[in-house]
Amino acid sequence: MISDTATATEANADRPSDLALTADCHFHFVPGELAARCRKLIEGYHAIYGYASLPDMLWQSDARDVIEHDGDLMHIFKKACKSRGGKPANRSFLFIATAVVSLEVLARDLASWGKRFPQAQRKSAELVGDAAARQRIWLVDMYLYPSPNGARKQTSKPVG
């Protein structure tokens, strides 16, 4: 879904990512180097806290809006939810999280990625939506600033 190629002006900062991606997807504008870095961030987080929280993180953040408005991501999400195998489902959820976090990083110009790739920033801002119009729960913030208890927040039930 995310292309390993970039436009001529952006080619110097773009490196191939390790994602298995389709060429006909409309996320081709996301730089491969950015996608690879986002994937490492996500994998590192889930290496610590486990992958069980990943579907909930996708659905409870505003990543849900991006997923629902993109037919390919929605299809991948539904298929992963119905999957009986943990590893294939985790790979699918990881792919979705990588795509969404990459879009959010570009749209918000985190670490100057938007300045480096202004066309990609405009396209990602269109896909992510108007952040200034409402309060959002950014998926990237869930990875950059995890809660003190991490992904394993437990709700306590009253005794008795």
Protein backbone atom coordinates (compact mmCIF):
# COMPACT_ATOMS: atom_id res chain seq x y z
CA MET A 1 0.00 0.00 0.00
CA ILE A 2 2.82 2.44 0.73
CA SER A 3 5.15 2.84 -2.19
CA ASP A 4 8.87 2.38 -1.98
CA THR A 5 9.35 5.14 -4.55
CA ALA A 6 9.05 8.88 -4.26
CA THR A 7 8.83 11.83 -6.58
CA ALA A 8 12.07 13.12 -8.06
CA THR A 9 12.38 15.92 -5.48
CA GLU A 10 11.81 13.52 -2.60
CA ALA A 11 13.90 10.57 -3.81
CA ASN A 12 17.03 11.44 -1.83
CA ALA A 13 15.33 10.92 1.54
CA ASP A 14 13.30 7.90 0.55
CA ARG A 15 14.51 4.37 1.20
CA PRO A 16 12.68 1.13 0.57
CA SER A 17 10.72 -0.14 3.53
CA ASP A 18 10.36 -3.77 4.48
CA LEU A 19 6.60 -3.63 3.98
CA ALA A 20 4.98 -5.95 1.49
CA LEU A 21 3.05 -3.35 -0.43
CA THR A 22 0.82 -3.26 -3.44
CA ALA A 23 1.62 -0.91 -6.29
CA ASP A 24 -1.95 0.15 -6.99
CA CYS A 25 -2.68 1.64 -3.58
CA HIS A 26 -3.34 5.30 -3.01
CA PHE A 27 -0.77 5.54 -0.15
CA HIS A 28 2.08 5.47 -2.65
CA PHE A 29 3.09 9.01 -1.61
CA VAL A 30 4.22 7.96 1.90
CA PRO A 31 8.05 7.88 1.97
CA GLY A 32 9.44 4.40 2.52
CA GLU A 33 11.92 5.66 5.11
CA LEU A 34 9.09 7.18 7.15
CA ALA A 35 7.03 4.00 6.92
CA ALA A 36 10.02 1.92 8.03
CA ARG A 37 10.66 4.18 11.04
CA CYS A 38 7.00 4.16 12.04
CA ARG A 39 6.93 0.39 11.77
CA LYS A 40 9.98 0.11 14.06
CA LEU A 41 8.29 2.38 16.61
CA ILE A 42 5.11 0.29 16.54
CA GLU A 43 6.97 -3.03 16.68
CA GLY A 44 9.08 -1.80 19.61
CA TYR A 45 5.99 -0.76 21.55
CA HIS A 46 4.24 -4.07 20.95
CA ALA A 47 7.41 -6.05 21.74
CA ILE A 48 7.07 -4.61 25.25
CA TYR A 49 3.28 -4.60 25.71
CA GLY A 50 2.18 -7.34 23.32
CA TYR A 51 -0.03 -7.19 20.24
CA ALA A 52 -3.32 -7.91 22.00
CA SER A 53 -4.03 -4.19 22.42
CA LEU A 54 -3.32 -3.24 18.79
CA PRO A 55 -6.86 -3.72 17.37
CA ASP A 56 -8.31 -1.68 20.25
CA MET A 57 -5.71 1.05 19.80
CA LEU A 58 -6.63 1.29 16.12
CA TRP A 59 -10.34 1.38 16.79
CA GLN A 60 -10.38 3.60 19.89
CA SER A 61 -8.11 6.26 18.41
CA ASP A 62 -9.15 8.44 15.53
CA ALA A 63 -7.34 5.99 13.27
CA ARG A 64 -10.80 4.45 13.04
CA ASP A 65 -11.90 7.40 10.87
CA VAL A 66 -9.05 6.80 8.44
CA ILE A 67 -9.74 3.05 8.37
CA GLU A 68 -13.48 3.49 7.81
CA HIS A 69 -12.96 5.94 4.94
CA ASP A 70 -10.47 3.75 3.11
CA GLY A 71 -11.93 0.62 1.54
CA ASP A 72 -8.60 -1.23 1.43
CA LEU A 73 -7.77 -0.58 5.08
CA MET A 74 -11.30 -1.49 6.15
CA HIS A 75 -11.13 -4.75 4.22
CA ILE A 76 -7.75 -5.60 5.81
CA PHE A 77 -9.06 -4.69 9.27
CA LYS A 78 -12.20 -6.83 8.94
CA LYS A 79 -10.24 -9.77 7.56
CA ALA A 80 -7.71 -9.53 10.41
CA CYS A 81 -10.50 -9.39 13.01
CA LYS A 82 -11.99 -12.58 11.60
CA SER A 83 -8.63 -14.34 11.27
CA ARG A 84 -8.02 -17.40 13.40
CA GLY A 85 -4.25 -17.07 13.19
CA GLY A 86 -2.52 -14.62 15.49
CA LYS A 87 0.53 -13.91 13.35
CA PRO A 88 -1.35 -13.12 10.11
CA ALA A 89 -3.79 -10.91 12.02
CA ASN A 90 -0.97 -9.11 13.81
CA ARG A 91 0.81 -8.49 10.50
CA SER A 92 -2.37 -6.98 9.09
CA PHE A 93 -2.96 -4.78 12.14
CA LEU A 94 0.72 -3.77 12.07
CA PHE A 95 0.39 -2.77 8.42
CA ILE A 96 -2.69 -0.63 9.17
CA ALA A 97 -1.02 1.00 12.18
CA THR A 98 2.08 1.76 10.10
CA ALA A 99 -0.01 3.39 7.38
CA VAL A 100 -2.03 5.49 9.84
CA VAL A 101 0.93 6.56 11.97
CA SER A 102 2.84 7.53 8.81
CA LEU A 103 -0.11 9.64 7.65
CA GLU A 104 -0.38 11.30 11.06
CA VAL A 105 3.35 12.08 11.19
CA LEU A 106 3.15 13.72 7.77
CA ALA A 107 -0.08 15.59 8.48
CA ARG A 108 1.23 16.99 11.79
CA ASP A 109 4.72 17.68 10.41
CA LEU A 110 6.33 15.72 13.24
CA ALA A 111 10.14 15.77 13.04
CA SER A 112 9.76 18.00 9.94
CA TRP A 113 8.55 15.14 7.74
CA GLY A 114 5.87 17.43 6.34
CA LYS A 115 8.44 20.07 5.41
CA ARG A 116 10.61 17.45 3.72
CA PHE A 117 7.64 16.09 1.75
CA PRO A 118 5.11 18.92 1.29
CA GLN A 119 3.02 17.12 -1.33
CA ALA A 120 2.79 14.05 0.87
CA GLN A 121 1.84 16.28 3.79
CA ARG A 122 -1.07 17.78 1.84
CA LYS A 123 -2.34 14.36 0.76
CA SER A 124 -2.03 12.90 4.24
CA ALA A 125 -3.80 15.92 5.77
CA GLU A 126 -6.71 15.29 3.40
CA LEU A 127 -6.88 11.63 4.46
CA VAL A 128 -6.45 12.25 8.19
CA GLY A 129 -8.98 15.07 8.22
CA ASP A 130 -9.14 18.47 9.81
CA ALA A 131 -7.25 18.16 13.09
CA ALA A 132 -7.91 21.75 14.12
CA ALA A 133 -11.68 21.37 13.88
CA ARG A 134 -11.96 18.95 16.80
CA GLN A 135 -10.09 17.22 19.55
CA ARG A 136 -8.53 14.01 18.27
CA ILE A 137 -6.89 10.97 19.71
CA TRP A 138 -3.80 10.52 17.56
CA LEU A 139 -2.53 6.97 17.16
CA VAL A 140 1.04 8.26 16.93
CA ASP A 141 0.66 9.85 20.38
CA MET A 142 -0.36 6.50 21.83
CA TYR A 143 3.02 5.15 20.69
CA LEU A 144 5.15 8.19 21.50
CA TYR A 145 3.60 8.92 24.90
CA PRO A 146 2.22 5.67 26.34
CA SER A 147 0.28 5.79 29.57
CA PRO A 148 2.24 4.94 32.75
CA ASN A 149 0.59 1.51 32.87
CA GLY A 150 1.23 0.95 29.19
CA ALA A 151 -1.28 -0.94 27.12
CA ARG A 152 -2.19 -3.15 30.06
CA LYS A 153 -4.54 -0.85 31.87
CA GLN A 154 -6.76 -2.93 34.08
CA THR A 155 -10.08 -1.82 35.40
CA SER A 156 -10.68 -2.79 38.97
CA LYS A 157 -14.06 -4.14 39.96
CA PRO A 158 -15.50 -3.37 43.37
CA VAL A 159 -15.40 -6.29 45.75
CA GLY A 160 -18.66 -7.42 47.20
